[in-house]
Amino acid sequence: LRKILGKRQRLLAYLSKKNRVRYKELISKLGIRET
Protein backbone atom coordinates (compact mmCIF):
# COMPACT_ATOMS: atom_id res chain seq x y z
CA LEU A 1 0.00 0.00 0.00
CA ARG A 2 2.79 2.43 0.86
CA LYS A 3 4.55 1.67 -2.44
CA ILE A 4 1.37 2.27 -4.46
CA LEU A 5 0.68 5.50 -2.54
CA GLY A 6 4.17 6.72 -3.43
CA LYS A 7 3.74 5.85 -7.10
CA ARG A 8 0.41 7.66 -7.22
CA GLN A 9 1.91 10.66 -5.46
CA ARG A 10 4.78 10.84 -7.97
CA LEU A 11 2.39 10.57 -10.92
CA LEU A 12 0.18 13.33 -9.50
CA ALA A 13 3.23 15.55 -8.96
CA TYR A 14 4.27 14.97 -12.58
CA LEU A 15 0.78 15.77 -13.84
CA SER A 16 0.52 18.93 -11.73
CA LYS A 17 3.78 20.19 -13.23
CA LYS A 18 2.89 19.32 -16.82
CA ASN A 19 -0.81 20.20 -16.98
CA ARG A 20 -2.41 21.87 -13.98
CA VAL A 21 -5.94 21.82 -15.48
CA ARG A 22 -5.94 18.05 -16.07
CA TYR A 23 -4.53 17.57 -12.56
CA LYS A 24 -7.32 19.63 -10.97
CA GLU A 25 -9.98 17.75 -12.95
CA LEU A 26 -8.54 14.37 -11.97
CA ILE A 27 -8.31 15.01 -8.24
CA SER A 28 -11.83 16.44 -8.19
CA LYS A 29 -13.24 13.40 -10.05
CA LEU A 30 -11.43 10.88 -7.85
CA GLY A 31 -11.93 12.76 -4.59
CA ILE A 32 -8.20 12.93 -3.82
CA ARG A 33 -6.78 15.70 -1.67
CA GLU A 34 -4.37 18.06 -3.35
CA THR A 35 -0.73 17.28 -2.60
ModelCIF file with pLDDT and N, C-alpha, C, O atoms, coordinates in Angstrom:
data_MODEL
#
_entry.id   MODEL 
#
_entity.id                         1 
_entity.type                       polymer 
_entity.pdbx_number_of_molecules   1 
#
_entity_poly.entity_id                      1 
_entity_poly.type                           'polypeptide(L)' 
_entity_poly.nstd_linkage                   no 
_entity_poly.nstd_monomer                   no 
_entity_poly.pdbx_seq_one_letter_code       LRKILGKRQRLLAYLSKKNRVRYKELISKLGIRET 
_entity_poly.pdbx_seq_one_letter_code_can   LRKILGKRQRLLAYLSKKNRVRYKELISKLGIRET 
_entity_poly.pdbx_strand_id                 A 
#
loop_
_entity_poly_seq.entity_id 
_entity_poly_seq.num 
_entity_poly_seq.mon_id 
_entity_poly_seq.hetero 
1 1  LEU n 
1 2  ARG n 
1 3  LYS n 
1 4  ILE n 
1 5  LEU n 
1 6  GLY n 
1 7  LYS n 
1 8  ARG n 
1 9  GLN n 
1 10 ARG n 
1 11 LEU n 
1 12 LEU n 
1 13 ALA n 
1 14 TYR n 
1 15 LEU n 
1 16 SER n 
1 17 LYS n 
1 18 LYS n 
1 19 ASN n 
1 20 ARG n 
1 21 VAL n 
1 22 ARG n 
1 23 TYR n 
1 24 LYS n 
1 25 GLU n 
1 26 LEU n 
1 27 ILE n 
1 28 SER n 
1 29 LYS n 
1 30 LEU n 
1 31 GLY n 
1 32 ILE n 
1 33 ARG n 
1 34 GLU n 
1 35 THR n 
#
_struct_asym.id          A 
_struct_asym.entity_id   1 
#
loop_
_ma_qa_metric.id 
_ma_qa_metric.mode 
_ma_qa_metric.name 
_ma_qa_metric.software_group_id 
_ma_qa_metric.type 
1 global pLDDT . pLDDT 
2 local  pLDDT . pLDDT 
#
_ma_qa_metric_global.metric_id      1 
_ma_qa_metric_global.metric_value   93.77 
_ma_qa_metric_global.model_id       1 
_ma_qa_metric_global.ordinal_id     1 
#
loop_
_ma_qa_metric_local.label_asym_id 
_ma_qa_metric_local.label_comp_id 
_ma_qa_metric_local.label_seq_id 
_ma_qa_metric_local.metric_id 
_ma_qa_metric_local.metric_value 
_ma_qa_metric_local.model_id 
_ma_qa_metric_local.ordinal_id 
A LEU 1  2 97.00 1 1  
A ARG 2  2 97.00 1 2  
A LYS 3  2 97.00 1 3  
A ILE 4  2 97.00 1 4  
A LEU 5  2 96.00 1 5  
A GLY 6  2 96.00 1 6  
A LYS 7  2 96.00 1 7  
A ARG 8  2 96.00 1 8  
A GLN 9  2 95.00 1 9  
A ARG 10 2 95.00 1 10 
A LEU 11 2 95.00 1 11 
A LEU 12 2 95.00 1 12 
A ALA 13 2 94.00 1 13 
A TYR 14 2 95.00 1 14 
A LEU 15 2 95.00 1 15 
A SER 16 2 94.00 1 16 
A LYS 17 2 95.00 1 17 
A LYS 18 2 95.00 1 18 
A ASN 19 2 94.00 1 19 
A ARG 20 2 94.00 1 20 
A VAL 21 2 95.00 1 21 
A ARG 22 2 95.00 1 22 
A TYR 23 2 94.00 1 23 
A LYS 24 2 94.00 1 24 
A GLU 25 2 95.00 1 25 
A LEU 26 2 95.00 1 26 
A ILE 27 2 94.00 1 27 
A SER 28 2 95.00 1 28 
A LYS 29 2 95.00 1 29 
A LEU 30 2 94.00 1 30 
A GLY 31 2 92.00 1 31 
A ILE 32 2 91.00 1 32 
A ARG 33 2 88.00 1 33 
A GLU 34 2 83.00 1 34 
A THR 35 2 74.00 1 35 
#
loop_
_atom_site.group_PDB 
_atom_site.id 
_atom_site.type_symbol 
_atom_site.label_atom_id 
_atom_site.label_alt_id 
_atom_site.label_comp_id 
_atom_site.label_asym_id 
_atom_site.label_entity_id 
_atom_site.label_seq_id 
_atom_site.pdbx_PDB_ins_code 
_atom_site.Cartn_x 
_atom_site.Cartn_y 
_atom_site.Cartn_z 
_atom_site.occupancy 
_atom_site.B_iso_or_equiv 
_atom_site.pdbx_formal_charge 
_atom_site.auth_seq_id 
_atom_site.auth_comp_id 
_atom_site.auth_asym_id 
_atom_site.auth_atom_id 
_atom_site.pdbx_PDB_model_num 
ATOM 1   N N  . LEU A 1 1  ? 0.832   -1.206 0.000   1.00 97.00 ? 1  LEU A N  1 
ATOM 2   C CA . LEU A 1 1  ? 0.000   0.000  0.000   1.00 97.00 ? 1  LEU A CA 1 
ATOM 3   C C  . LEU A 1 1  ? 0.863   1.251  0.000   1.00 97.00 ? 1  LEU A C  1 
ATOM 4   O O  . LEU A 1 1  ? 0.590   2.195  -0.740  1.00 97.00 ? 1  LEU A O  1 
ATOM 5   N N  . ARG A 1 2  ? 1.900   1.263  0.822   1.00 97.00 ? 2  ARG A N  1 
ATOM 6   C CA . ARG A 1 2  ? 2.785   2.429  0.864   1.00 97.00 ? 2  ARG A CA 1 
ATOM 7   C C  . ARG A 1 2  ? 3.487   2.646  -0.468  1.00 97.00 ? 2  ARG A C  1 
ATOM 8   O O  . ARG A 1 2  ? 3.671   3.786  -0.894  1.00 97.00 ? 2  ARG A O  1 
ATOM 9   N N  . LYS A 1 3  ? 3.886   1.548  -1.140  1.00 97.00 ? 3  LYS A N  1 
ATOM 10  C CA . LYS A 1 3  ? 4.550   1.674  -2.441  1.00 97.00 ? 3  LYS A CA 1 
ATOM 11  C C  . LYS A 1 3  ? 3.602   2.255  -3.479  1.00 97.00 ? 3  LYS A C  1 
ATOM 12  O O  . LYS A 1 3  ? 3.987   3.126  -4.258  1.00 97.00 ? 3  LYS A O  1 
ATOM 13  N N  . ILE A 1 4  ? 2.348   1.769  -3.491  1.00 97.00 ? 4  ILE A N  1 
ATOM 14  C CA . ILE A 1 4  ? 1.370   2.267  -4.456  1.00 97.00 ? 4  ILE A CA 1 
ATOM 15  C C  . ILE A 1 4  ? 1.037   3.730  -4.178  1.00 97.00 ? 4  ILE A C  1 
ATOM 16  O O  . ILE A 1 4  ? 0.868   4.516  -5.110  1.00 97.00 ? 4  ILE A O  1 
ATOM 17  N N  . LEU A 1 5  ? 0.942   4.100  -2.889  1.00 96.00 ? 5  LEU A N  1 
ATOM 18  C CA . LEU A 1 5  ? 0.684   5.498  -2.539  1.00 96.00 ? 5  LEU A CA 1 
ATOM 19  C C  . LEU A 1 5  ? 1.808   6.395  -3.058  1.00 96.00 ? 5  LEU A C  1 
ATOM 20  O O  . LEU A 1 5  ? 1.553   7.489  -3.564  1.00 96.00 ? 5  LEU A O  1 
ATOM 21  N N  . GLY A 1 6  ? 3.040   5.932  -2.931  1.00 96.00 ? 6  GLY A N  1 
ATOM 22  C CA . GLY A 1 6  ? 4.173   6.715  -3.428  1.00 96.00 ? 6  GLY A CA 1 
ATOM 23  C C  . GLY A 1 6  ? 4.159   6.863  -4.935  1.00 96.00 ? 6  GLY A C  1 
ATOM 24  O O  . GLY A 1 6  ? 4.451   7.937  -5.460  1.00 96.00 ? 6  GLY A O  1 
ATOM 25  N N  . LYS A 1 7  ? 3.820   5.785  -5.637  1.00 96.00 ? 7  LYS A N  1 
ATOM 26  C CA . LYS A 1 7  ? 3.739   5.849  -7.097  1.00 96.00 ? 7  LYS A CA 1 
ATOM 27  C C  . LYS A 1 7  ? 2.664   6.834  -7.537  1.00 96.00 ? 7  LYS A C  1 
ATOM 28  O O  . LYS A 1 7  ? 2.868   7.640  -8.445  1.00 96.00 ? 7  LYS A O  1 
ATOM 29  N N  . ARG A 1 8  ? 1.499   6.749  -6.863  1.00 96.00 ? 8  ARG A N  1 
ATOM 30  C CA . ARG A 1 8  ? 0.409   7.656  -7.224  1.00 96.00 ? 8  ARG A CA 1 
ATOM 31  C C  . ARG A 1 8  ? 0.802   9.103  -6.930  1.00 96.00 ? 8  ARG A C  1 
ATOM 32  O O  . ARG A 1 8  ? 0.485   10.008 -7.701  1.00 96.00 ? 8  ARG A O  1 
ATOM 33  N N  . GLN A 1 9  ? 1.489   9.312  -5.820  1.00 95.00 ? 9  GLN A N  1 
ATOM 34  C CA . GLN A 1 9  ? 1.913   10.661 -5.456  1.00 95.00 ? 9  GLN A CA 1 
ATOM 35  C C  . GLN A 1 9  ? 2.889   11.229 -6.489  1.00 95.00 ? 9  GLN A C  1 
ATOM 36  O O  . GLN A 1 9  ? 2.800   12.400 -6.857  1.00 95.00 ? 9  GLN A O  1 
ATOM 37  N N  . ARG A 1 10 ? 3.823   10.388 -6.954  1.00 95.00 ? 10 ARG A N  1 
ATOM 38  C CA . ARG A 1 10 ? 4.776   10.843 -7.966  1.00 95.00 ? 10 ARG A CA 1 
ATOM 39  C C  . ARG A 1 10 ? 4.081   11.157 -9.288  1.00 95.00 ? 10 ARG A C  1 
ATOM 40  O O  . ARG A 1 10 ? 4.409   12.144 -9.946  1.00 95.00 ? 10 ARG A O  1 
ATOM 41  N N  . LEU A 1 11 ? 3.115   10.310 -9.678  1.00 95.00 ? 11 LEU A N  1 
ATOM 42  C CA . LEU A 1 11 ? 2.385   10.574 -10.922 1.00 95.00 ? 11 LEU A CA 1 
ATOM 43  C C  . LEU A 1 11 ? 1.583   11.864 -10.827 1.00 95.00 ? 11 LEU A C  1 
ATOM 44  O O  . LEU A 1 11 ? 1.533   12.640 -11.781 1.00 95.00 ? 11 LEU A O  1 
ATOM 45  N N  . LEU A 1 12 ? 0.952   12.095 -9.670  1.00 95.00 ? 12 LEU A N  1 
ATOM 46  C CA . LEU A 1 12 ? 0.184   13.326 -9.501  1.00 95.00 ? 12 LEU A CA 1 
ATOM 47  C C  . LEU A 1 12 ? 1.090   14.552 -9.515  1.00 95.00 ? 12 LEU A C  1 
ATOM 48  O O  . LEU A 1 12 ? 0.714   15.596 -10.048 1.00 95.00 ? 12 LEU A O  1 
ATOM 49  N N  . ALA A 1 13 ? 2.278   14.431 -8.935  1.00 94.00 ? 13 ALA A N  1 
ATOM 50  C CA . ALA A 1 13 ? 3.232   15.549 -8.960  1.00 94.00 ? 13 ALA A CA 1 
ATOM 51  C C  . ALA A 1 13 ? 3.660   15.846 -10.394 1.00 94.00 ? 13 ALA A C  1 
ATOM 52  O O  . ALA A 1 13 ? 3.772   17.008 -10.785 1.00 94.00 ? 13 ALA A O  1 
ATOM 53  N N  . TYR A 1 14 ? 3.898   14.796 -11.173 1.00 95.00 ? 14 TYR A N  1 
ATOM 54  C CA . TYR A 1 14 ? 4.269   14.966 -12.582 1.00 95.00 ? 14 TYR A CA 1 
ATOM 55  C C  . TYR A 1 14 ? 3.144   15.664 -13.340 1.00 95.00 ? 14 TYR A C  1 
ATOM 56  O O  . TYR A 1 14 ? 3.384   16.598 -14.105 1.00 95.00 ? 14 TYR A O  1 
ATOM 57  N N  . LEU A 1 15 ? 1.912   15.199 -13.120 1.00 95.00 ? 15 LEU A N  1 
ATOM 58  C CA . LEU A 1 15 ? 0.780   15.773 -13.842 1.00 95.00 ? 15 LEU A CA 1 
ATOM 59  C C  . LEU A 1 15 ? 0.546   17.226 -13.444 1.00 95.00 ? 15 LEU A C  1 
ATOM 60  O O  . LEU A 1 15 ? 0.195   18.050 -14.288 1.00 95.00 ? 15 LEU A O  1 
ATOM 61  N N  . SER A 1 16 ? 0.736   17.545 -12.169 1.00 94.00 ? 16 SER A N  1 
ATOM 62  C CA . SER A 1 16 ? 0.518   18.929 -11.731 1.00 94.00 ? 16 SER A CA 1 
ATOM 63  C C  . SER A 1 16 ? 1.550   19.864 -12.346 1.00 94.00 ? 16 SER A C  1 
ATOM 64  O O  . SER A 1 16 ? 1.256   21.031 -12.604 1.00 94.00 ? 16 SER A O  1 
ATOM 65  N N  . LYS A 1 17 ? 2.766   19.354 -12.584 1.00 95.00 ? 17 LYS A N  1 
ATOM 66  C CA . LYS A 1 17 ? 3.779   20.191 -13.232 1.00 95.00 ? 17 LYS A CA 1 
ATOM 67  C C  . LYS A 1 17 ? 3.485   20.366 -14.719 1.00 95.00 ? 17 LYS A C  1 
ATOM 68  O O  . LYS A 1 17 ? 3.633   21.462 -15.259 1.00 95.00 ? 17 LYS A O  1 
ATOM 69  N N  . LYS A 1 18 ? 3.070   19.290 -15.376 1.00 95.00 ? 18 LYS A N  1 
ATOM 70  C CA . LYS A 1 18 ? 2.889   19.323 -16.824 1.00 95.00 ? 18 LYS A CA 1 
ATOM 71  C C  . LYS A 1 18 ? 1.596   20.007 -17.247 1.00 95.00 ? 18 LYS A C  1 
ATOM 72  O O  . LYS A 1 18 ? 1.592   20.827 -18.165 1.00 95.00 ? 18 LYS A O  1 
ATOM 73  N N  . ASN A 1 19 ? 0.481   19.663 -16.563 1.00 94.00 ? 19 ASN A N  1 
ATOM 74  C CA . ASN A 1 19 ? -0.809  20.198 -16.978 1.00 94.00 ? 19 ASN A CA 1 
ATOM 75  C C  . ASN A 1 19 ? -1.684  20.377 -15.740 1.00 94.00 ? 19 ASN A C  1 
ATOM 76  O O  . ASN A 1 19 ? -2.314  19.431 -15.267 1.00 94.00 ? 19 ASN A O  1 
ATOM 77  N N  . ARG A 1 20 ? -1.711  21.584 -15.231 1.00 94.00 ? 20 ARG A N  1 
ATOM 78  C CA . ARG A 1 20 ? -2.414  21.868 -13.975 1.00 94.00 ? 20 ARG A CA 1 
ATOM 79  C C  . ARG A 1 20 ? -3.932  21.669 -14.108 1.00 94.00 ? 20 ARG A C  1 
ATOM 80  O O  . ARG A 1 20 ? -4.585  21.267 -13.145 1.00 94.00 ? 20 ARG A O  1 
ATOM 81  N N  . VAL A 1 21 ? -4.490  21.942 -15.280 1.00 95.00 ? 21 VAL A N  1 
ATOM 82  C CA . VAL A 1 21 ? -5.941  21.816 -15.482 1.00 95.00 ? 21 VAL A CA 1 
ATOM 83  C C  . VAL A 1 21 ? -6.359  20.349 -15.408 1.00 95.00 ? 21 VAL A C  1 
ATOM 84  O O  . VAL A 1 21 ? -7.326  20.007 -14.728 1.00 95.00 ? 21 VAL A O  1 
ATOM 85  N N  . ARG A 1 22 ? -5.626  19.486 -16.111 1.00 95.00 ? 22 ARG A N  1 
ATOM 86  C CA . ARG A 1 22 ? -5.937  18.051 -16.072 1.00 95.00 ? 22 ARG A CA 1 
ATOM 87  C C  . ARG A 1 22 ? -5.768  17.499 -14.670 1.00 95.00 ? 22 ARG A C  1 
ATOM 88  O O  . ARG A 1 22 ? -6.535  16.634 -14.247 1.00 95.00 ? 22 ARG A O  1 
ATOM 89  N N  . TYR A 1 23 ? -4.768  17.991 -13.940 1.00 94.00 ? 23 TYR A N  1 
ATOM 90  C CA . TYR A 1 23 ? -4.527  17.575 -12.562 1.00 94.00 ? 23 TYR A CA 1 
ATOM 91  C C  . TYR A 1 23 ? -5.715  17.934 -11.678 1.00 94.00 ? 23 TYR A C  1 
ATOM 92  O O  . TYR A 1 23 ? -6.199  17.100 -10.913 1.00 94.00 ? 23 TYR A O  1 
ATOM 93  N N  . LYS A 1 24 ? -6.183  19.175 -11.784 1.00 94.00 ? 24 LYS A N  1 
ATOM 94  C CA . LYS A 1 24 ? -7.315  19.630 -10.974 1.00 94.00 ? 24 LYS A CA 1 
ATOM 95  C C  . LYS A 1 24 ? -8.571  18.815 -11.281 1.00 94.00 ? 24 LYS A C  1 
ATOM 96  O O  . LYS A 1 24 ? -9.306  18.437 -10.369 1.00 94.00 ? 24 LYS A O  1 
ATOM 97  N N  . GLU A 1 25 ? -8.816  18.545 -12.564 1.00 95.00 ? 25 GLU A N  1 
ATOM 98  C CA . GLU A 1 25 ? -9.984  17.747 -12.950 1.00 95.00 ? 25 GLU A CA 1 
ATOM 99  C C  . GLU A 1 25 ? -9.896  16.343 -12.366 1.00 95.00 ? 25 GLU A C  1 
ATOM 100 O O  . GLU A 1 25 ? -10.885 15.812 -11.860 1.00 95.00 ? 25 GLU A O  1 
ATOM 101 N N  . LEU A 1 26 ? -8.719  15.749 -12.438 1.00 95.00 ? 26 LEU A N  1 
ATOM 102 C CA . LEU A 1 26 ? -8.539  14.369 -11.970 1.00 95.00 ? 26 LEU A CA 1 
ATOM 103 C C  . LEU A 1 26 ? -8.750  14.254 -10.467 1.00 95.00 ? 26 LEU A C  1 
ATOM 104 O O  . LEU A 1 26 ? -9.456  13.353 -10.014 1.00 95.00 ? 26 LEU A O  1 
ATOM 105 N N  . ILE A 1 27 ? -8.154  15.144 -9.687  1.00 94.00 ? 27 ILE A N  1 
ATOM 106 C CA . ILE A 1 27 ? -8.308  15.013 -8.239  1.00 94.00 ? 27 ILE A CA 1 
ATOM 107 C C  . ILE A 1 27 ? -9.733  15.321 -7.807  1.00 94.00 ? 27 ILE A C  1 
ATOM 108 O O  . ILE A 1 27 ? -10.202 14.784 -6.803  1.00 94.00 ? 27 ILE A O  1 
ATOM 109 N N  . SER A 1 28 ? -10.433 16.182 -8.553  1.00 95.00 ? 28 SER A N  1 
ATOM 110 C CA . SER A 1 28 ? -11.830 16.443 -8.190  1.00 95.00 ? 28 SER A CA 1 
ATOM 111 C C  . SER A 1 28 ? -12.709 15.245 -8.536  1.00 95.00 ? 28 SER A C  1 
ATOM 112 O O  . SER A 1 28 ? -13.632 14.925 -7.787  1.00 95.00 ? 28 SER A O  1 
ATOM 113 N N  . LYS A 1 29 ? -12.437 14.573 -9.666  1.00 95.00 ? 29 LYS A N  1 
ATOM 114 C CA . LYS A 1 29 ? -13.236 13.398 -10.049 1.00 95.00 ? 29 LYS A CA 1 
ATOM 115 C C  . LYS A 1 29 ? -13.003 12.226 -9.105  1.00 95.00 ? 29 LYS A C  1 
ATOM 116 O O  . LYS A 1 29 ? -13.942 11.508 -8.761  1.00 95.00 ? 29 LYS A O  1 
ATOM 117 N N  . LEU A 1 30 ? -11.762 12.032 -8.687  1.00 94.00 ? 30 LEU A N  1 
ATOM 118 C CA . LEU A 1 30 ? -11.435 10.882 -7.855  1.00 94.00 ? 30 LEU A CA 1 
ATOM 119 C C  . LEU A 1 30 ? -11.601 11.167 -6.368  1.00 94.00 ? 30 LEU A C  1 
ATOM 120 O O  . LEU A 1 30 ? -11.562 10.244 -5.554  1.00 94.00 ? 30 LEU A O  1 
ATOM 121 N N  . GLY A 1 31 ? -11.784 12.419 -6.006  1.00 92.00 ? 31 GLY A N  1 
ATOM 122 C CA . GLY A 1 31 ? -11.935 12.758 -4.591  1.00 92.00 ? 31 GLY A CA 1 
ATOM 123 C C  . GLY A 1 31 ? -10.631 12.645 -3.817  1.00 92.00 ? 31 GLY A C  1 
ATOM 124 O O  . GLY A 1 31 ? -10.628 12.246 -2.653  1.00 92.00 ? 31 GLY A O  1 
ATOM 125 N N  . ILE A 1 32 ? -9.529  12.994 -4.458  1.00 91.00 ? 32 ILE A N  1 
ATOM 126 C CA . ILE A 1 32 ? -8.202  12.927 -3.824  1.00 91.00 ? 32 ILE A CA 1 
ATOM 127 C C  . ILE A 1 32 ? -7.866  14.339 -3.330  1.00 91.00 ? 32 ILE A C  1 
ATOM 128 O O  . ILE A 1 32 ? -8.170  15.332 -3.991  1.00 91.00 ? 32 ILE A O  1 
ATOM 129 N N  . ARG A 1 33 ? -7.235  14.403 -2.159  1.00 88.00 ? 33 ARG A N  1 
ATOM 130 C CA . ARG A 1 33 ? -6.784  15.701 -1.669  1.00 88.00 ? 33 ARG A CA 1 
ATOM 131 C C  . ARG A 1 33 ? -5.622  16.176 -2.492  1.00 88.00 ? 33 ARG A C  1 
ATOM 132 O O  . ARG A 1 33 ? -4.854  15.371 -3.018  1.00 88.00 ? 33 ARG A O  1 
ATOM 133 N N  . GLU A 1 34 ? -5.483  17.491 -2.610  1.00 83.00 ? 34 GLU A N  1 
ATOM 134 C CA . GLU A 1 34 ? -4.368  18.060 -3.347  1.00 83.00 ? 34 GLU A CA 1 
ATOM 135 C C  . GLU A 1 34 ? -3.083  17.854 -2.563  1.00 83.00 ? 34 GLU A C  1 
ATOM 136 O O  . GLU A 1 34 ? -3.068  17.981 -1.339  1.00 83.00 ? 34 GLU A O  1 
ATOM 137 N N  . THR A 1 35 ? -2.006  17.537 -3.268  1.00 74.00 ? 35 THR A N  1 
ATOM 138 C CA . THR A 1 35 ? -0.734  17.284 -2.601  1.00 74.00 ? 35 THR A CA 1 
ATOM 139 C C  . THR A 1 35 ? -0.147  18.567 -2.060  1.00 74.00 ? 35 THR A C  1 
ATOM 140 O O  . THR A 1 35 ? 0.929   18.550 -1.463  1.00 74.00 ? 35 THR A O  1 
#
